[in-house]
Amino acid sequence: MSGMVPRPDLNIAQAVFGSPGYPPLLGELYDPPRILYYRGVLPDPEKPAVAVVGTRHPSAAASREAFKLGRELAERGIAVISGLALGIDAMAHRGCLEGGGKTAAVLGSGLDQVYPVSNRMLARRILESGGALISEYPWGTKPRKWNFPQRNRIISGLARGTVIVEAPAASGALYTAQFALEQGRDLWVSSVGASSSLGEGTRKLAEEGCPLIRGAAEIAAEWGLCGEASVDGKDPRSGADSARPGGPGKDLAAALKRELQLN
């Protein structure tokens, strides 16, 4: 049952797949987590959310862009989903908090093992602001490296669209891009990251057809959230492309997996 508290001292609750409290977008995945552990308040399913991710070692320009994007999304009432990692993830969370928005961090560990340690204060701020810490791993699970690529499907799965701010050729953020496409969600790359010397993976995504964006206003306009009609057949009420269900996204995901050698 949603809302059960297996670890009351940390206020860790859980949402079980198929229960009323389970995130609807996550339930659409072909491999959704059976149990979702969380602290705080899960993202409102009636409001849009964007995943913002990228490298742990960004350029200064990309760090500023991630912060700006997080803040701009918050100011438009759009929640930010990311992974609490160093670099782009942390800056996107901080920008969202600065904009007075709600943000959720998906961890690759149990919720009593917040990682990295240097972001534990940020995790506290996320909770205090009405956001959430989320994991499919039960408490006590260490932050093992193989957990992180798998958790990325949850980051993209909780959002209607994903922005890759800056990603080198071997960045884990490219897994998130692949998952977003396989899930039929929107995918964008930041124009800042695409022009960066550290953005080889970001440029590859753009070359494969992912649109460039310069800010949250473009996302809001595409989703019809600022009084403008949706474009390219996209329904602003869902993460899927209503005119082209699953086609180009699936093809592009397969191409990315080959070109970027993602396994």
C-alpha atoms as a PDB file:
ATOM      1  CA  MET A   1       0.000   0.000   0.000  1.00  0.00           C
ATOM      2  CA  SER A   2       1.175   3.516  -0.769  1.00  0.00           C
ATOM      3  CA  GLY A   3       2.314   5.470   2.252  1.00  0.00           C
ATOM      4  CA  MET A   4       3.557   2.533   4.335  1.00  0.00           C
ATOM      5  CA  VAL A   5       6.508   3.537   6.509  1.00  0.00           C
ATOM      6  CA  PRO A   6       9.124   0.771   6.770  1.00  0.00           C
ATOM      7  CA  ARG A   7      11.683   3.135   8.320  1.00  0.00           C
ATOM      8  CA  PRO A   8       9.731   5.580  10.530  1.00  0.00           C
ATOM      9  CA  ASP A   9      12.811   7.194  12.068  1.00  0.00           C
ATOM     10  CA  LEU A  10      13.719   8.571   8.619  1.00  0.00           C
ATOM     11  CA  ASN A  11      10.130   8.955   7.394  1.00  0.00           C
ATOM     12  CA  ILE A  12      10.792   6.572   4.524  1.00  0.00           C
ATOM     13  CA  ALA A  13       7.506   5.673   2.886  1.00  0.00           C
ATOM     14  CA  GLN A  14       6.821   3.455  -0.092  1.00  0.00           C
ATOM     15  CA  ALA A  15       4.538   3.342  -3.118  1.00  0.00           C
ATOM     16  CA  VAL A  16       3.839  -0.075  -4.604  1.00  0.00           C
ATOM     17  CA  PHE A  17       3.302  -0.508  -8.340  1.00  0.00           C
ATOM     18  CA  GLY A  18      -0.425  -0.508  -9.051  1.00  0.00           C
ATOM     19  CA  SER A  19      -1.364   1.365  -5.888  1.00  0.00           C
ATOM     20  CA  PRO A  20      -3.137   4.771  -6.035  1.00  0.00           C
ATOM     21  CA  GLY A  21      -0.062   6.653  -4.813  1.00  0.00           C
ATOM     22  CA  TYR A  22       2.307   5.228  -7.424  1.00  0.00           C
ATOM     23  CA  PRO A  23       3.464   7.870  -9.992  1.00  0.00           C
ATOM     24  CA  PRO A  24       1.338   7.335 -13.129  1.00  0.00           C
ATOM     25  CA  LEU A  25       4.116   8.218 -15.580  1.00  0.00           C
ATOM     26  CA  LEU A  26       6.440   5.729 -13.923  1.00  0.00           C
ATOM     27  CA  GLY A  27       3.750   3.096 -14.177  1.00  0.00           C
ATOM     28  CA  GLU A  28       3.892   3.415 -17.969  1.00  0.00           C
ATOM     29  CA  LEU A  29       7.418   1.980 -18.146  1.00  0.00           C
ATOM     30  CA  TYR A  30       8.000  -1.541 -19.368  1.00  0.00           C
ATOM     31  CA  ASP A  31      10.171  -2.173 -16.307  1.00  0.00           C
ATOM     32  CA  PRO A  32       8.833   0.044 -13.508  1.00  0.00           C
ATOM     33  CA  PRO A  33      10.219  -0.466 -10.008  1.00  0.00           C
ATOM     34  CA  ARG A  34       7.867  -2.690  -8.036  1.00  0.00           C
ATOM     35  CA  ILE A  35       8.383  -0.620  -4.908  1.00  0.00           C
ATOM     36  CA  LEU A  36       9.327   3.041  -4.866  1.00  0.00           C
ATOM     37  CA  TYR A  37      10.812   4.256  -1.594  1.00  0.00           C
ATOM     38  CA  TYR A  38      10.608   7.961  -0.898  1.00  0.00           C
ATOM     39  CA  ARG A  39      11.050  10.697   1.647  1.00  0.00           C
ATOM     40  CA  GLY A  40       9.102  13.913   1.378  1.00  0.00           C
ATOM     41  CA  VAL A  41       6.344  14.472  -1.176  1.00  0.00           C
ATOM     42  CA  LEU A  42       6.287  12.703  -4.546  1.00  0.00           C
ATOM     43  CA  PRO A  43       5.896  14.953  -7.619  1.00  0.00           C
ATOM     44  CA  ASP A  44       2.309  16.013  -8.299  1.00  0.00           C
ATOM     45  CA  PRO A  45       1.131  13.849 -11.237  1.00  0.00           C
ATOM     46  CA  GLU A  46      -1.203  16.646 -12.339  1.00  0.00           C
ATOM     47  CA  LYS A  47       1.716  19.017 -12.919  1.00  0.00           C
ATOM     48  CA  PRO A  48       4.468  18.791 -15.540  1.00  0.00           C
ATOM     49  CA  ALA A  49       8.016  17.775 -14.686  1.00  0.00           C
ATOM     50  CA  VAL A  50      11.296  17.938 -16.598  1.00  0.00           C
ATOM     51  CA  ALA A  51      14.404  15.868 -15.913  1.00  0.00           C
ATOM     52  CA  VAL A  52      17.618  17.903 -16.055  1.00  0.00           C
ATOM     53  CA  VAL A  53      20.843  15.909 -16.090  1.00  0.00           C
ATOM     54  CA  GLY A  54      24.441  16.018 -17.231  1.00  0.00           C
ATOM     55  CA  THR A  55      28.060  15.430 -16.359  1.00  0.00           C
ATOM     56  CA  ARG A  56      29.470  15.456 -12.827  1.00  0.00           C
ATOM     57  CA  HIS A  57      32.381  17.592 -14.073  1.00  0.00           C
ATOM     58  CA  PRO A  58      30.767  20.382 -16.103  1.00  0.00           C
ATOM     59  CA  SER A  59      32.207  23.523 -17.573  1.00  0.00           C
ATOM     60  CA  ALA A  60      31.461  26.754 -15.743  1.00  0.00           C
ATOM     61  CA  ALA A  61      29.052  27.790 -18.500  1.00  0.00           C
ATOM     62  CA  ALA A  62      27.124  24.519 -18.275  1.00  0.00           C
ATOM     63  CA  SER A  63      26.898  24.792 -14.487  1.00  0.00           C
ATOM     64  CA  ARG A  64      25.361  28.249 -14.835  1.00  0.00           C
ATOM     65  CA  GLU A  65      23.006  26.978 -17.522  1.00  0.00           C
ATOM     66  CA  ALA A  66      21.801  24.072 -15.366  1.00  0.00           C
ATOM     67  CA  PHE A  67      21.102  26.450 -12.486  1.00  0.00           C
ATOM     68  CA  LYS A  68      19.301  28.902 -14.779  1.00  0.00           C
ATOM     69  CA  LEU A  69      17.223  26.150 -16.359  1.00  0.00           C
ATOM     70  CA  GLY A  70      16.208  24.778 -12.966  1.00  0.00           C
ATOM     71  CA  ARG A  71      15.181  28.238 -11.801  1.00  0.00           C
ATOM     72  CA  GLU A  72      13.272  29.033 -14.994  1.00  0.00           C
ATOM     73  CA  LEU A  73      11.372  25.742 -14.850  1.00  0.00           C
ATOM     74  CA  ALA A  74      10.431  26.400 -11.228  1.00  0.00           C
ATOM     75  CA  GLU A  75       9.198  29.882 -12.080  1.00  0.00           C
ATOM     76  CA  ARG A  76       6.875  28.313 -14.656  1.00  0.00           C
ATOM     77  CA  GLY A  77       5.481  25.778 -12.213  1.00  0.00           C
ATOM     78  CA  ILE A  78       7.408  22.872 -13.732  1.00  0.00           C
ATOM     79  CA  ALA A  79       9.047  20.444 -11.323  1.00  0.00           C
ATOM     80  CA  VAL A  80      12.663  19.383 -11.794  1.00  0.00           C
ATOM     81  CA  ILE A  81      13.752  15.743 -11.579  1.00  0.00           C
ATOM     82  CA  SER A  82      17.442  14.902 -11.313  1.00  0.00           C
ATOM     83  CA  GLY A  83      19.904  12.602  -9.582  1.00  0.00           C
ATOM     84  CA  LEU A  84      21.555  14.655  -6.796  1.00  0.00           C
ATOM     85  CA  ALA A  85      24.959  13.979  -8.374  1.00  0.00           C
ATOM     86  CA  LEU A  86      27.760  16.497  -8.347  1.00  0.00           C
ATOM     87  CA  GLY A  87      27.817  18.947 -11.225  1.00  0.00           C
ATOM     88  CA  ILE A  88      24.807  19.450 -13.484  1.00  0.00           C
ATOM     89  CA  ASP A  89      22.334  17.519 -11.313  1.00  0.00           C
ATOM     90  CA  ALA A  90      23.101  19.487  -8.174  1.00  0.00           C
ATOM     91  CA  MET A  91      22.994  22.814 -10.016  1.00  0.00           C
ATOM     92  CA  ALA A  92      19.593  21.994 -11.525  1.00  0.00           C
ATOM     93  CA  HIS A  93      18.226  21.116  -8.067  1.00  0.00           C
ATOM     94  CA  ARG A  94      19.647  24.332  -6.617  1.00  0.00           C
ATOM     95  CA  GLY A  95      18.238  26.448  -9.408  1.00  0.00           C
ATOM     96  CA  CYS A  96      14.797  24.952  -8.892  1.00  0.00           C
ATOM     97  CA  LEU A  97      14.959  25.691  -5.174  1.00  0.00           C
ATOM     98  CA  GLU A  98      16.085  29.249  -5.936  1.00  0.00           C
ATOM     99  CA  GLY A  99      13.024  29.642  -8.159  1.00  0.00           C
ATOM    100  CA  GLY A 100      10.726  28.458  -5.395  1.00  0.00           C
ATOM    101  CA  GLY A 101       9.870  25.190  -7.139  1.00  0.00           C
ATOM    102  CA  LYS A 102       9.582  21.536  -6.226  1.00  0.00           C
ATOM    103  CA  THR A 103      12.373  19.169  -7.132  1.00  0.00           C
ATOM    104  CA  ALA A 104      12.864  15.423  -6.718  1.00  0.00           C
ATOM    105  CA  ALA A 105      16.187  13.587  -6.510  1.00  0.00           C
ATOM    106  CA  VAL A 106      16.404   9.938  -7.567  1.00  0.00           C
ATOM    107  CA  LEU A 107      19.200   8.099  -5.764  1.00  0.00           C
ATOM    108  CA  GLY A 108      21.272   5.083  -6.694  1.00  0.00           C
ATOM    109  CA  SER A 109      21.312   3.952  -3.061  1.00  0.00           C
ATOM    110  CA  GLY A 110      18.999   3.509  -0.120  1.00  0.00           C
ATOM    111  CA  LEU A 111      17.490   6.708   1.243  1.00  0.00           C
ATOM    112  CA  ASP A 112      19.553   6.406   4.419  1.00  0.00           C
ATOM    113  CA  GLN A 113      22.720   6.407   2.287  1.00  0.00           C
ATOM    114  CA  VAL A 114      22.492   9.811   0.586  1.00  0.00           C
ATOM    115  CA  TYR A 115      25.335  10.117  -1.897  1.00  0.00           C
ATOM    116  CA  PRO A 116      27.506  12.045  -2.442  1.00  0.00           C
ATOM    117  CA  VAL A 117      28.015  13.086   1.156  1.00  0.00           C
ATOM    118  CA  SER A 118      28.754  16.645   0.048  1.00  0.00           C
ATOM    119  CA  ASN A 119      25.171  16.956  -1.239  1.00  0.00           C
ATOM    120  CA  ARG A 120      23.454  15.891   1.973  1.00  0.00           C
ATOM    121  CA  MET A 121      22.680  19.496   2.867  1.00  0.00           C
ATOM    122  CA  LEU A 122      21.142  19.912  -0.589  1.00  0.00           C
ATOM    123  CA  ALA A 123      19.056  16.787   0.025  1.00  0.00           C
ATOM    124  CA  ARG A 124      17.808  18.339   3.255  1.00  0.00           C
ATOM    125  CA  ARG A 125      16.856  21.536   1.437  1.00  0.00           C
ATOM    126  CA  ILE A 126      14.941  19.513  -1.155  1.00  0.00           C
ATOM    127  CA  LEU A 127      12.879  17.887   1.588  1.00  0.00           C
ATOM    128  CA  GLU A 128      12.343  21.140   3.469  1.00  0.00           C
ATOM    129  CA  SER A 129      11.044  22.770   0.281  1.00  0.00           C
ATOM    130  CA  GLY A 130       8.357  20.129  -0.249  1.00  0.00           C
ATOM    131  CA  GLY A 131      10.288  17.972  -2.699  1.00  0.00           C
ATOM    132  CA  ALA A 132      11.318  14.332  -2.518  1.00  0.00           C
ATOM    133  CA  LEU A 133      14.192  11.886  -2.323  1.00  0.00           C
ATOM    134  CA  ILE A 134      13.328   8.742  -4.271  1.00  0.00           C
ATOM    135  CA  SER A 135      14.886   5.304  -4.751  1.00  0.00           C
ATOM    136  CA  GLU A 136      13.940   1.814  -5.843  1.00  0.00           C
ATOM    137  CA  TYR A 137      16.554   0.459  -3.436  1.00  0.00           C
ATOM    138  CA  PRO A 138      15.589  -0.374   0.157  1.00  0.00           C
ATOM    139  CA  TRP A 139      17.278   1.401   3.022  1.00  0.00           C
ATOM    140  CA  GLY A 140      20.738   0.107   3.766  1.00  0.00           C
ATOM    141  CA  THR A 141      21.670  -0.235   0.062  1.00  0.00           C
ATOM    142  CA  LYS A 142      25.111   1.247  -0.610  1.00  0.00           C
ATOM    143  CA  PRO A 143      25.677   3.570  -3.604  1.00  0.00           C
ATOM    144  CA  ARG A 144      27.250   0.945  -5.870  1.00  0.00           C
ATOM    145  CA  LYS A 145      28.264   2.158  -9.321  1.00  0.00           C
ATOM    146  CA  TRP A 146      26.044  -0.273 -11.229  1.00  0.00           C
ATOM    147  CA  ASN A 147      22.961   1.114  -9.476  1.00  0.00           C
ATOM    148  CA  PHE A 148      23.247   4.499 -11.150  1.00  0.00           C
ATOM    149  CA  PRO A 149      22.661   3.630 -14.842  1.00  0.00           C
ATOM    150  CA  GLN A 150      19.577   1.655 -13.794  1.00  0.00           C
ATOM    151  CA  ARG A 151      18.183   4.472 -11.639  1.00  0.00           C
ATOM    152  CA  ASN A 152      18.393   6.803 -14.647  1.00  0.00           C
ATOM    153  CA  ARG A 153      15.295   5.173 -16.151  1.00  0.00           C
ATOM    154  CA  ILE A 154      13.391   6.456 -13.112  1.00  0.00           C
ATOM    155  CA  ILE A 155      14.719   9.990 -13.572  1.00  0.00           C
ATOM    156  CA  SER A 156      13.438  10.115 -17.150  1.00  0.00           C
ATOM    157  CA  GLY A 157      10.386   8.047 -16.287  1.00  0.00           C
ATOM    158  CA  LEU A 158       9.100  10.561 -13.737  1.00  0.00           C
ATOM    159  CA  ALA A 159       9.254  13.400 -16.276  1.00  0.00           C
ATOM    160  CA  ARG A 160       7.455  14.340 -19.466  1.00  0.00           C
ATOM    161  CA  GLY A 161      10.751  15.386 -20.999  1.00  0.00           C
ATOM    162  CA  THR A 162      14.489  15.357 -20.348  1.00  0.00           C
ATOM    163  CA  VAL A 163      17.179  17.978 -20.953  1.00  0.00           C
ATOM    164  CA  ILE A 164      20.800  16.900 -21.302  1.00  0.00           C
ATOM    165  CA  VAL A 165      22.745  20.019 -20.356  1.00  0.00           C
ATOM    166  CA  GLU A 166      26.310  18.837 -20.984  1.00  0.00           C
ATOM    167  CA  ALA A 167      27.609  15.314 -21.475  1.00  0.00           C
ATOM    168  CA  PRO A 168      30.983  13.940 -22.583  1.00  0.00           C
ATOM    169  CA  ALA A 169      31.025  10.912 -24.861  1.00  0.00           C
ATOM    170  CA  ALA A 170      30.984   8.412 -21.979  1.00  0.00           C
ATOM    171  CA  SER A 171      28.656  10.315 -19.631  1.00  0.00           C
ATOM    172  CA  GLY A 172      26.047   8.413 -17.658  1.00  0.00           C
ATOM    173  CA  ALA A 173      23.597  11.141 -18.674  1.00  0.00           C
ATOM    174  CA  LEU A 174      23.487   9.514 -22.091  1.00  0.00           C
ATOM    175  CA  TYR A 175      21.818   6.506 -20.494  1.00  0.00           C
ATOM    176  CA  THR A 176      19.109   8.871 -19.306  1.00  0.00           C
ATOM    177  CA  ALA A 177      18.753  10.166 -22.865  1.00  0.00           C
ATOM    178  CA  GLN A 178      18.396   6.637 -24.174  1.00  0.00           C
ATOM    179  CA  PHE A 179      15.787   5.781 -21.554  1.00  0.00           C
ATOM    180  CA  ALA A 180      13.802   8.961 -22.304  1.00  0.00           C
ATOM    181  CA  LEU A 181      13.614   8.048 -25.973  1.00  0.00           C
ATOM    182  CA  GLU A 182      12.708   4.431 -25.309  1.00  0.00           C
ATOM    183  CA  GLN A 183       9.958   5.652 -22.971  1.00  0.00           C
ATOM    184  CA  GLY A 184       8.524   7.912 -25.668  1.00  0.00           C
ATOM    185  CA  ARG A 185       9.328  11.091 -23.735  1.00  0.00           C
ATOM    186  CA  ASP A 186      10.582  14.383 -25.108  1.00  0.00           C
ATOM    187  CA  LEU A 187      14.325  14.898 -25.235  1.00  0.00           C
ATOM    188  CA  TRP A 188      16.258  18.131 -25.661  1.00  0.00           C
ATOM    189  CA  VAL A 189      19.897  19.136 -25.434  1.00  0.00           C
ATOM    190  CA  SER A 190      21.143  22.472 -24.165  1.00  0.00           C
ATOM    191  CA  SER A 191      22.682  24.759 -26.759  1.00  0.00           C
ATOM    192  CA  VAL A 192      25.342  25.614 -24.147  1.00  0.00           C
ATOM    193  CA  GLY A 193      26.369  21.993 -23.698  1.00  0.00           C
ATOM    194  CA  ALA A 194      26.290  21.312 -27.422  1.00  0.00           C
ATOM    195  CA  SER A 195      28.867  24.048 -28.028  1.00  0.00           C
ATOM    196  CA  SER A 196      31.085  23.067 -25.093  1.00  0.00           C
ATOM    197  CA  SER A 197      34.470  21.394 -25.426  1.00  0.00           C
ATOM    198  CA  LEU A 198      33.174  18.919 -22.799  1.00  0.00           C
ATOM    199  CA  GLY A 199      29.948  18.237 -24.681  1.00  0.00           C
ATOM    200  CA  GLU A 200      30.886  15.558 -27.201  1.00  0.00           C
ATOM    201  CA  GLY A 201      27.971  13.372 -26.163  1.00  0.00           C
ATOM    202  CA  THR A 202      25.614  16.347 -26.166  1.00  0.00           C
ATOM    203  CA  ARG A 203      26.659  17.252 -29.723  1.00  0.00           C
ATOM    204  CA  LYS A 204      26.174  13.649 -30.814  1.00  0.00           C
ATOM    205  CA  LEU A 205      22.598  13.758 -29.555  1.00  0.00           C
ATOM    206  CA  ALA A 206      21.994  16.966 -31.503  1.00  0.00           C
ATOM    207  CA  GLU A 207      23.489  15.426 -34.646  1.00  0.00           C
ATOM    208  CA  GLU A 208      21.155  12.452 -34.218  1.00  0.00           C
ATOM    209  CA  GLY A 209      18.176  14.794 -34.276  1.00  0.00           C
ATOM    210  CA  CYS A 210      17.535  15.941 -30.708  1.00  0.00           C
ATOM    211  CA  PRO A 211      16.427  19.588 -30.691  1.00  0.00           C
ATOM    212  CA  LEU A 212      18.499  22.279 -29.027  1.00  0.00           C
ATOM    213  CA  ILE A 213      16.936  24.543 -26.425  1.00  0.00           C
ATOM    214  CA  ARG A 214      18.122  27.787 -24.866  1.00  0.00           C
ATOM    215  CA  GLY A 215      15.816  27.897 -21.864  1.00  0.00           C
ATOM    216  CA  ALA A 216      12.646  26.771 -20.126  1.00  0.00           C
ATOM    217  CA  ALA A 217      10.456  29.144 -22.147  1.00  0.00           C
ATOM    218  CA  GLU A 218      10.896  26.902 -25.189  1.00  0.00           C
ATOM    219  CA  ILE A 219       9.775  23.835 -23.235  1.00  0.00           C
ATOM    220  CA  ALA A 220       6.753  25.679 -21.846  1.00  0.00           C
ATOM    221  CA  ALA A 221       5.804  26.887 -25.334  1.00  0.00           C
ATOM    222  CA  GLU A 222       6.165  23.419 -26.858  1.00  0.00           C
ATOM    223  CA  TRP A 223       3.935  21.943 -24.172  1.00  0.00           C
ATOM    224  CA  GLY A 224       1.385  24.722 -24.509  1.00  0.00           C
ATOM    225  CA  LEU A 225       1.941  25.911 -20.951  1.00  0.00           C
ATOM    226  CA  CYS A 226       2.096  29.613 -21.771  1.00  0.00           C
ATOM    227  CA  GLY A 227      -1.028  30.023 -23.849  1.00  0.00           C
ATOM    228  CA  GLU A 228       0.558  28.722 -27.049  1.00  0.00           C
ATOM    229  CA  ALA A 229      -0.626  25.727 -29.005  1.00  0.00           C
ATOM    230  CA  SER A 230       1.422  22.539 -28.862  1.00  0.00           C
ATOM    231  CA  VAL A 231       3.650  21.840 -31.853  1.00  0.00           C
ATOM    232  CA  ASP A 232       4.705  18.799 -33.852  1.00  0.00           C
ATOM    233  CA  GLY A 233       1.696  16.807 -32.661  1.00  0.00           C
ATOM    234  CA  LYS A 234       2.841  16.759 -29.058  1.00  0.00           C
ATOM    235  CA  ASP A 235       0.164  16.745 -26.404  1.00  0.00           C
ATOM    236  CA  PRO A 236       1.193  19.081 -23.558  1.00  0.00           C
ATOM    237  CA  ARG A 237      -0.715  16.890 -21.116  1.00  0.00           C
ATOM    238  CA  SER A 238       1.525  13.875 -21.575  1.00  0.00           C
ATOM    239  CA  GLY A 239       5.131  12.957 -22.220  1.00  0.00           C
ATOM    240  CA  ALA A 240       4.341  11.034 -25.380  1.00  0.00           C
ATOM    241  CA  ASP A 241       4.278  12.275 -28.962  1.00  0.00           C
ATOM    242  CA  SER A 242       0.589  11.861 -29.772  1.00  0.00           C
ATOM    243  CA  ALA A 243       1.006  12.009 -33.544  1.00  0.00           C
ATOM    244  CA  ARG A 244       3.921   9.613 -33.767  1.00  0.00           C
ATOM    245  CA  PRO A 245       3.574   7.077 -30.952  1.00  0.00           C
ATOM    246  CA  GLY A 246       6.899   5.444 -30.290  1.00  0.00           C
ATOM    247  CA  GLY A 247       8.272   5.508 -33.829  1.00  0.00           C
ATOM    248  CA  PRO A 248      11.126   7.999 -34.220  1.00  0.00           C
ATOM    249  CA  GLY A 249      11.953   7.850 -30.529  1.00  0.00           C
ATOM    250  CA  LYS A 250      12.519   4.107 -30.659  1.00  0.00           C
ATOM    251  CA  ASP A 251      14.594   4.385 -33.843  1.00  0.00           C
ATOM    252  CA  LEU A 252      16.729   7.182 -32.441  1.00  0.00           C
ATOM    253  CA  ALA A 253      17.248   5.296 -29.186  1.00  0.00           C
ATOM    254  CA  ALA A 254      18.541   2.305 -31.131  1.00  0.00           C
ATOM    255  CA  ALA A 255      20.849   4.543 -33.157  1.00  0.00           C
ATOM    256  CA  LEU A 256      22.184   6.195 -30.012  1.00  0.00           C
ATOM    257  CA  LYS A 257      22.863   2.841 -28.431  1.00  0.00           C
ATOM    258  CA  ARG A 258      24.984   1.855 -31.448  1.00  0.00           C
ATOM    259  CA  GLU A 259      26.710   5.180 -31.989  1.00  0.00           C
ATOM    260  CA  LEU A 260      27.426   5.906 -28.327  1.00  0.00           C
ATOM    261  CA  GLN A 261      28.127   2.234 -27.516  1.00  0.00           C
ATOM    262  CA  LEU A 262      25.701   2.224 -24.592  1.00  0.00           C
ATOM    263  CA  ASN A 263      25.149  -1.246 -23.182  1.00  0.00           C
END
